Amino acid sequence: MPIEINSRLSNFVLKATNEDLDRILQNVNNASLISFAGGLPDPSVFPSIEIGYIAYEAIQKNPISALQYGSTYGVPDLIEEIKKFMKDKLKIKINDDEKVLVTNGSQEALFSITSTFINPGDYVITENPTYFVATSVFKAFNGKIVGVNVNSNGIDVYKLEEKIKKLNTKPKFLYVMPNCHNPMGVMMDEESKKHLIEIANKYDLLVIEDDPYSLINYEGKTPIPLKAYDSEERVIYMSTFSKILSPGLRLGWIYGNKKVVDKIAVSKQIISLNTSTLVQHIAAEALRRGIVEKTIEKVIEVYKHKRDIMISAFEQYIGNIIEYEKPQSGMFFFVKFDNINTRDLLSYAIKSGVMYLPGDITFVEDTDFTTARLNFTYPSESMIIEGMRRLSNAIKEYKS
């Protein structure tokens, strides 16, 4: 008889199950379905030839270092290149009281941070809406999530302070995306970032800044991360090579106060011991040779054009029933439909051969079921147009 599995499952796995994420990943290679649901980069921007050469050279020149176990914190060469990158490109101050921890993408960073700080019942403050995979992690650890509304200038810092005052206990941390919010695509201005830091200092907050998109800006800007304004080392900065080099490398990093990062490293060590040393050598050389910079330039050119293609497709097929902000950075449109429940619409859309992420999953409170997140970076130009045509047909069937 087949093994019975359900009674053996931990509460953690049961809590962590995410049907929307499962659906996205299962349909990555489904040729019959046009997917706007995931956050996948366009494969044409990957510097695959350069990465191949670097990988070969790394093994030839440093076979032991590239193929052996390594430090939990990361390969020293990459750590130094990351510090230069943050200082030169992101204007983040580098000092001896803070350190880098290299991770297996942002996902391991999120998991390591959460497992370091969250016990069942602990409070986490997030933007509302927010990155749904992050909240899945917080929920898996039985964290209590408190949402603060996002407006056109990012998290509402005045509402944030109100929420902090109303809590009867100190939250373990605040999770925010000040530059290119996911899913809404909005950015905090300098004044609001400084105000947020003042609030963090006043109420003794630990702030987790998730920043995968700062350098992917379509208006010729490079927004300064919140970390650059951090006056008391309260901000733990997270970023990734997934959007500016390749997601297949599974490489990200954390930067912050040494004492805090040392504790996060304990969790990371339990999870993976260390991040792939070969991958770290590849990334270090890609930074040193300017390949990351060139990839960012290509990413901006390709994605800006695709963003505009999607706007044209909106106007052609569904423009009269949606509202949206034109994203200045990142990979997504966050659209609001006129009197359409996007969770209910999804089955009609999939039947019509198109998929999106229902917006309700991005909310932690005051859920809006008329919203959806649509990715414009992964589908080809023709698929964006065809996908909107299919979505239009699905809406007609849904309404009939």
Protein backbone atom coordinates (compact mmCIF):
# COMPACT_ATOMS: atom_id res chain seq x y z
CA MET A 1 0.00 0.00 0.00
CA PRO A 2 1.22 3.58 -0.66
CA ILE A 3 2.74 5.48 2.23
CA GLU A 4 0.40 7.84 4.09
CA ILE A 5 2.04 11.24 4.18
CA ASN A 6 -0.43 13.83 5.48
CA SER A 7 -0.34 12.75 9.13
CA ARG A 8 3.46 13.03 9.05
CA LEU A 9 3.64 16.62 7.82
CA SER A 10 4.90 19.35 10.12
CA ASN A 11 2.81 22.40 10.91
CA PHE A 12 5.54 24.44 9.25
CA VAL A 13 5.04 22.79 5.84
CA LEU A 14 1.27 23.00 6.15
CA LYS A 15 1.57 26.72 6.93
CA ALA A 16 4.10 27.32 4.15
CA THR A 17 2.02 25.83 1.33
CA ASN A 18 1.29 28.51 -1.26
CA GLU A 19 -1.01 27.47 -4.09
CA ASP A 20 -0.44 30.64 -6.11
CA LEU A 21 3.34 30.22 -6.04
CA ASP A 22 2.98 26.52 -6.88
CA ARG A 23 0.83 27.41 -9.89
CA ILE A 24 3.35 29.97 -11.13
CA LEU A 25 6.31 27.60 -10.92
CA GLN A 26 4.45 24.61 -12.37
CA ASN A 27 3.52 26.59 -15.48
CA VAL A 28 6.91 28.17 -16.23
CA ASN A 29 7.43 25.76 -19.14
CA ASN A 30 3.79 25.40 -20.19
CA ALA A 31 3.92 26.49 -23.84
CA SER A 32 0.14 26.64 -24.17
CA LEU A 33 -0.23 29.20 -21.39
CA ILE A 34 0.92 32.83 -21.52
CA SER A 35 1.93 33.73 -18.00
CA PHE A 36 1.98 37.23 -16.55
CA ALA A 37 1.99 35.70 -13.05
CA GLY A 38 5.64 35.21 -12.12
CA GLY A 39 8.57 37.58 -11.67
CA LEU A 40 10.83 35.98 -14.24
CA PRO A 41 13.45 37.96 -16.17
CA ASP A 42 13.67 37.83 -19.96
CA PRO A 43 16.24 35.09 -20.79
CA SER A 44 17.59 37.22 -23.65
CA VAL A 45 19.24 39.56 -21.12
CA PHE A 46 21.31 36.81 -19.49
CA PRO A 47 25.05 37.16 -20.29
CA SER A 48 25.25 33.41 -20.80
CA ILE A 49 28.41 33.34 -22.91
CA GLU A 50 30.31 35.56 -20.48
CA ILE A 51 29.11 33.51 -17.50
CA GLY A 52 30.25 30.34 -19.25
CA TYR A 53 33.74 31.71 -19.84
CA ILE A 54 34.03 32.97 -16.29
CA ALA A 55 32.91 29.63 -14.83
CA TYR A 56 35.53 27.79 -16.91
CA GLU A 57 38.26 30.23 -15.90
CA ALA A 58 37.28 30.08 -12.23
CA ILE A 59 37.69 26.31 -12.14
CA GLN A 60 40.96 26.47 -14.08
CA LYS A 61 42.52 29.22 -11.97
CA ASN A 62 41.03 28.48 -8.54
CA PRO A 63 39.86 24.84 -8.58
CA ILE A 64 39.99 24.35 -4.81
CA SER A 65 38.42 27.66 -3.86
CA ALA A 66 35.73 27.36 -6.57
CA LEU A 67 34.78 23.74 -5.85
CA GLN A 68 35.38 23.29 -2.12
CA TYR A 69 33.15 24.18 0.83
CA GLY A 70 33.47 27.81 1.86
CA SER A 71 32.73 30.27 4.61
CA THR A 72 29.10 30.72 5.62
CA TYR A 73 29.55 34.47 5.09
CA GLY A 74 30.82 34.12 1.54
CA VAL A 75 33.94 34.14 -0.62
CA PRO A 76 36.08 37.14 0.48
CA ASP A 77 36.62 38.22 -3.13
CA LEU A 78 32.87 38.51 -3.76
CA ILE A 79 32.25 40.24 -0.44
CA GLU A 80 34.71 42.98 -1.38
CA GLU A 81 33.15 43.39 -4.84
CA ILE A 82 29.66 43.63 -3.29
CA LYS A 83 30.88 46.35 -0.93
CA LYS A 84 32.33 48.34 -3.85
CA PHE A 85 29.11 47.85 -5.79
CA MET A 86 26.92 49.09 -2.92
CA LYS A 87 29.17 52.08 -2.32
CA ASP A 88 29.59 53.13 -5.96
CA LYS A 89 26.18 52.29 -7.43
CA LEU A 90 23.81 52.55 -4.46
CA LYS A 91 25.56 55.18 -2.29
CA ILE A 92 25.46 52.91 0.75
CA LYS A 93 28.09 53.73 3.35
CA ILE A 94 30.50 50.89 4.06
CA ASN A 95 31.93 50.74 7.58
CA ASP A 96 33.67 48.30 9.91
CA ASP A 97 30.63 47.88 12.17
CA GLU A 98 28.63 46.22 9.40
CA LYS A 99 29.20 43.13 7.28
CA VAL A 100 28.00 41.16 4.24
CA LEU A 101 26.38 37.72 4.31
CA VAL A 102 26.11 36.04 0.89
CA THR A 103 22.93 33.98 0.46
CA ASN A 104 21.28 31.59 -1.97
CA GLY A 105 19.11 34.31 -3.46
CA SER A 106 16.77 36.64 -1.61
CA GLN A 107 14.57 33.73 -0.61
CA GLU A 108 17.23 32.24 1.66
CA ALA A 109 17.90 35.71 3.03
CA LEU A 110 14.21 36.12 3.92
CA PHE A 111 14.05 32.65 5.44
CA SER A 112 17.23 33.14 7.45
CA ILE A 113 16.11 36.52 8.78
CA THR A 114 12.67 35.23 9.71
CA SER A 115 13.96 32.09 11.42
CA THR A 116 16.42 34.25 13.36
CA PHE A 117 13.82 36.61 14.82
CA ILE A 118 10.28 35.23 14.64
CA ASN A 119 8.67 33.06 17.28
CA PRO A 120 4.99 32.07 17.08
CA GLY A 121 2.85 35.11 17.84
CA ASP A 122 5.55 37.72 17.19
CA TYR A 123 4.54 40.79 15.22
CA VAL A 124 5.95 41.80 11.84
CA ILE A 125 4.96 45.05 10.16
CA THR A 126 4.80 45.12 6.37
CA GLU A 127 3.48 47.34 3.64
CA ASN A 128 -0.05 46.58 2.47
CA PRO A 129 -0.04 45.21 -0.19
CA THR A 130 3.40 43.60 -0.19
CA TYR A 131 5.55 40.84 -1.69
CA PHE A 132 3.44 37.73 -1.17
CA VAL A 133 6.36 35.28 -0.94
CA ALA A 134 7.78 37.23 2.00
CA THR A 135 4.51 37.07 3.91
CA SER A 136 4.33 33.34 3.16
CA VAL A 137 7.60 32.94 5.05
CA PHE A 138 6.42 35.10 7.96
CA LYS A 139 3.20 33.08 8.20
CA ALA A 140 5.08 29.78 8.07
CA PHE A 141 6.79 30.82 11.30
CA ASN A 142 3.41 31.82 12.78
CA GLY A 143 4.24 35.50 12.77
CA LYS A 144 1.42 38.00 13.16
CA ILE A 145 1.48 40.45 10.25
CA VAL A 146 0.36 44.04 10.62
CA GLY A 147 -0.12 45.93 7.35
CA VAL A 148 0.42 49.63 6.65
CA ASN A 149 -1.16 51.04 3.52
CA VAL A 150 0.95 52.03 0.52
CA ASN A 151 0.24 55.18 -1.46
CA SER A 152 1.93 56.74 -4.50
CA ASN A 153 4.93 57.55 -2.28
CA GLY A 154 5.38 54.09 -0.79
CA ILE A 155 4.50 53.12 2.76
CA ASP A 156 2.44 55.75 4.58
CA VAL A 157 4.93 56.73 7.29
CA TYR A 158 2.27 58.55 9.34
CA LYS A 159 0.04 55.46 9.36
CA LEU A 160 3.14 53.41 10.23
CA GLU A 161 3.69 55.42 13.40
CA GLU A 162 0.02 55.08 14.31
CA LYS A 163 0.19 51.29 13.94
CA ILE A 164 3.34 51.09 16.07
CA LYS A 165 1.66 53.09 18.85
CA LYS A 166 -1.40 50.82 18.80
CA LEU A 167 0.60 47.60 19.18
CA ASN A 168 0.87 46.39 22.75
CA THR A 169 4.30 44.95 22.06
CA LYS A 170 7.36 45.82 20.03
CA PRO A 171 7.33 44.27 16.52
CA LYS A 172 10.29 42.05 15.70
CA PHE A 173 10.92 43.99 12.50
CA LEU A 174 9.50 46.13 9.72
CA TYR A 175 9.74 44.66 6.20
CA VAL A 176 9.72 47.27 3.41
CA MET A 177 10.52 47.82 -0.27
CA PRO A 178 11.18 51.58 -0.50
CA ASN A 179 12.52 51.49 -4.07
CA CYS A 180 10.20 49.93 -6.62
CA HIS A 181 7.61 48.36 -4.39
CA ASN A 182 6.36 44.90 -5.33
CA PRO A 183 3.59 44.72 -6.45
CA MET A 184 2.70 48.42 -6.84
CA GLY A 185 5.90 49.73 -8.44
CA VAL A 186 5.92 52.98 -6.41
CA MET A 187 8.98 54.58 -4.78
CA MET A 188 9.49 56.51 -1.57
CA ASP A 189 11.00 59.97 -1.94
CA GLU A 190 14.02 61.12 0.06
CA GLU A 191 11.98 62.97 2.68
CA SER A 192 9.81 59.93 3.40
CA LYS A 193 12.85 57.66 3.70
CA LYS A 194 14.41 60.01 6.22
CA HIS A 195 11.13 60.15 8.11
CA LEU A 196 10.97 56.35 8.20
CA ILE A 197 14.48 56.22 9.66
CA GLU A 198 13.44 58.77 12.32
CA ILE A 199 10.51 56.52 13.27
CA ALA A 200 12.76 53.46 13.40
CA ASN A 201 15.17 55.28 15.70
CA LYS A 202 12.39 56.62 17.90
CA TYR A 203 10.67 53.26 18.42
CA ASP A 204 13.75 51.01 18.36
CA LEU A 205 12.70 49.24 15.14
CA LEU A 206 14.75 46.73 13.15
CA VAL A 207 14.09 47.39 9.46
CA ILE A 208 14.47 44.79 6.69
CA GLU A 209 14.92 46.55 3.34
CA ASP A 210 14.27 44.31 0.33
CA ASP A 211 15.80 45.97 -2.73
CA PRO A 212 15.96 43.83 -5.89
CA TYR A 213 14.96 46.57 -8.36
CA SER A 214 16.71 49.88 -7.55
CA LEU A 215 19.02 49.68 -10.54
CA ILE A 216 16.27 48.72 -12.98
CA ASN A 217 14.81 52.19 -13.46
CA TYR A 218 13.15 53.34 -16.68
CA GLU A 219 13.31 57.07 -15.98
CA GLY A 220 17.10 57.43 -15.90
CA LYS A 221 17.27 57.47 -12.11
CA THR A 222 18.99 55.33 -9.49
CA PRO A 223 16.90 55.69 -6.34
CA ILE A 224 18.98 55.72 -3.17
CA PRO A 225 18.17 52.79 -0.83
CA LEU A 226 16.80 53.40 2.65
CA LYS A 227 20.04 51.91 3.97
CA ALA A 228 21.95 54.98 2.74
CA TYR A 229 20.04 57.10 5.30
CA ASP A 230 20.50 54.62 8.16
CA SER A 231 21.96 56.57 11.08
CA GLU A 232 21.89 53.88 13.79
CA GLU A 233 22.56 50.65 11.84
CA ARG A 234 18.91 49.61 12.15
CA VAL A 235 18.45 48.68 8.49
CA ILE A 236 19.33 45.20 7.27
CA TYR A 237 19.73 45.57 3.51
CA MET A 238 18.83 42.70 1.16
CA SER A 239 19.49 42.48 -2.57
CA THR A 240 20.04 39.91 -5.30
CA PHE A 241 21.84 39.12 -8.54
CA SER A 242 18.70 37.46 -9.91
CA LYS A 243 17.45 40.60 -11.66
CA ILE A 244 20.81 42.09 -12.69
CA LEU A 245 22.76 38.98 -13.76
CA SER A 246 20.84 35.68 -13.66
CA PRO A 247 18.30 34.05 -11.31
CA GLY A 248 19.76 30.62 -12.04
CA LEU A 249 22.85 31.55 -10.06
CA ARG A 250 20.65 31.77 -6.93
CA LEU A 251 22.77 34.48 -5.38
CA GLY A 252 21.87 37.34 -3.06
CA TRP A 253 23.27 39.14 -0.06
CA ILE A 254 22.49 40.79 3.27
CA TYR A 255 24.35 43.83 4.64
CA GLY A 256 23.95 45.26 8.11
CA ASN A 257 25.08 45.52 11.70
CA LYS A 258 27.70 42.86 12.50
CA LYS A 259 25.95 41.58 15.62
CA VAL A 260 22.67 41.16 13.75
CA VAL A 261 24.23 39.59 10.66
CA ASP A 262 26.21 37.15 12.82
CA LYS A 263 22.94 35.84 14.28
CA ILE A 264 21.35 35.57 10.82
CA ALA A 265 24.43 33.62 9.69
CA VAL A 266 23.66 31.00 12.33
CA SER A 267 20.31 30.31 10.63
CA LYS A 268 21.86 30.34 7.17
CA GLN A 269 24.53 27.85 8.27
CA ILE A 270 21.84 25.40 9.42
CA ILE A 271 20.00 25.78 6.11
CA SER A 272 22.85 25.50 3.59
CA LEU A 273 26.25 25.67 5.32
CA ASN A 274 27.49 28.04 2.61
CA THR A 275 26.46 29.48 -0.75
CA SER A 276 27.97 27.83 -3.84
CA THR A 277 31.60 28.90 -4.04
CA LEU A 278 31.70 28.48 -7.82
CA VAL A 279 28.70 30.77 -8.25
CA GLN A 280 30.30 33.34 -5.97
CA HIS A 281 33.49 33.36 -8.05
CA ILE A 282 31.36 33.90 -11.17
CA ALA A 283 29.54 36.86 -9.62
CA ALA A 284 32.74 38.44 -8.30
CA GLU A 285 34.31 38.34 -11.74
CA ALA A 286 31.11 39.57 -13.39
CA LEU A 287 31.20 42.60 -11.11
CA ARG A 288 34.91 43.18 -11.66
CA ARG A 289 34.65 42.98 -15.47
CA GLY A 290 31.63 45.27 -15.70
CA ILE A 291 29.35 42.50 -16.93
CA VAL A 292 26.74 43.30 -14.28
CA GLU A 293 26.68 46.95 -15.38
CA LYS A 294 26.27 45.98 -19.03
CA THR A 295 23.50 43.55 -18.12
CA ILE A 296 21.65 46.27 -16.21
CA GLU A 297 21.84 48.55 -19.28
CA LYS A 298 20.39 45.80 -21.48
CA VAL A 299 17.72 44.96 -18.91
CA ILE A 300 16.52 48.57 -18.80
CA GLU A 301 16.39 48.85 -22.60
CA VAL A 302 14.49 45.57 -23.09
CA TYR A 303 12.11 45.93 -20.16
CA LYS A 304 11.21 49.56 -20.80
CA HIS A 305 10.14 48.62 -24.32
CA LYS A 306 8.10 45.67 -23.04
CA ARG A 307 6.48 47.86 -20.39
CA ASP A 308 5.33 50.22 -23.12
CA ILE A 309 4.10 47.30 -25.24
CA MET A 310 1.93 46.17 -22.34
CA ILE A 311 0.51 49.68 -21.96
CA SER A 312 -0.44 49.65 -25.63
CA ALA A 313 -2.00 46.20 -25.21
CA PHE A 314 -3.97 47.45 -22.21
CA GLU A 315 -5.34 50.30 -24.29
CA GLN A 316 -6.23 48.01 -27.17
CA TYR A 317 -7.98 45.28 -25.21
CA ILE A 318 -8.92 46.17 -21.60
CA GLY A 319 -8.02 49.82 -21.01
CA ASN A 320 -11.57 50.91 -20.27
CA ILE A 321 -11.97 48.60 -17.26
CA ILE A 322 -8.64 48.96 -15.41
CA GLU A 323 -6.66 51.54 -13.48
CA TYR A 324 -2.90 51.41 -12.92
CA GLU A 325 0.23 53.40 -12.20
CA LYS A 326 2.91 53.33 -14.89
CA PRO A 327 5.85 51.53 -13.23
CA GLN A 328 9.09 53.52 -13.12
CA SER A 329 11.10 50.44 -12.14
CA GLY A 330 10.79 46.72 -11.73
CA MET A 331 8.82 44.06 -13.53
CA PHE A 332 5.13 44.50 -12.79
CA PHE A 333 1.92 46.38 -13.35
CA PHE A 334 -0.50 46.35 -10.43
CA VAL A 335 -3.93 46.89 -11.95
CA LYS A 336 -7.33 47.48 -10.45
CA PHE A 337 -10.33 46.17 -12.40
CA ASP A 338 -13.75 47.76 -12.50
CA ASN A 339 -16.10 45.49 -10.54
CA ILE A 340 -14.28 42.23 -11.40
CA ASN A 341 -13.16 39.71 -8.79
CA THR A 342 -9.77 38.67 -10.16
CA ARG A 343 -9.68 35.50 -8.05
CA ASP A 344 -12.92 34.37 -9.72
CA LEU A 345 -11.72 35.56 -13.12
CA LEU A 346 -8.54 33.47 -12.92
CA SER A 347 -10.19 30.15 -13.87
CA TYR A 348 -11.66 31.80 -17.00
CA ALA A 349 -8.27 33.28 -17.83
CA ILE A 350 -6.44 29.96 -17.51
CA LYS A 351 -9.10 28.31 -19.66
CA SER A 352 -8.42 31.02 -22.25
CA GLY A 353 -4.67 30.35 -22.09
CA VAL A 354 -3.43 33.24 -19.96
CA MET A 355 -2.46 33.58 -16.29
CA TYR A 356 -1.81 36.42 -13.84
CA LEU A 357 -1.36 36.76 -10.10
CA PRO A 358 -4.60 37.66 -8.29
CA GLY A 359 -3.89 40.76 -6.24
CA ASP A 360 -5.68 39.54 -3.12
CA ILE A 361 -2.68 37.38 -2.15
CA THR A 362 -0.50 40.51 -1.82
CA PHE A 363 -2.71 42.04 0.89
CA VAL A 364 -2.25 41.31 4.58
CA GLU A 365 -5.44 43.15 5.56
CA ASP A 366 -8.26 45.10 3.87
CA THR A 367 -8.00 42.72 0.91
CA ASP A 368 -8.89 44.08 -2.51
CA PHE A 369 -10.21 41.29 -4.75
CA THR A 370 -10.39 43.54 -7.82
CA THR A 371 -6.60 43.79 -8.25
CA ALA A 372 -4.01 41.77 -10.17
CA ARG A 373 -0.25 41.78 -10.66
CA LEU A 374 0.96 41.37 -14.24
CA ASN A 375 4.57 40.73 -15.22
CA PHE A 376 5.82 42.32 -18.44
CA THR A 377 9.46 41.19 -18.46
CA TYR A 378 9.20 37.46 -19.21
CA PRO A 379 6.68 37.16 -22.09
CA SER A 380 7.80 38.14 -25.58
CA GLU A 381 6.30 41.23 -27.20
CA SER A 382 3.93 39.12 -29.29
CA MET A 383 2.94 37.09 -26.23
CA ILE A 384 2.13 40.28 -24.29
CA ILE A 385 -0.26 41.37 -27.03
CA GLU A 386 -1.76 37.90 -27.47
CA GLY A 387 -2.04 37.48 -23.71
CA MET A 388 -4.07 40.66 -23.42
CA ARG A 389 -6.33 39.49 -26.22
CA ARG A 390 -6.89 36.22 -24.36
CA LEU A 391 -7.51 38.07 -21.11
CA SER A 392 -10.08 40.25 -22.86
CA ASN A 393 -11.88 37.11 -24.06
CA ALA A 394 -11.78 35.66 -20.54
CA ILE A 395 -13.34 38.85 -19.14
CA LYS A 396 -16.14 38.66 -21.71
CA GLU A 397 -16.86 35.05 -20.77
CA TYR A 398 -16.69 35.89 -17.05
CA LYS A 399 -19.25 38.65 -17.50
CA SER A 400 -21.59 36.68 -19.73
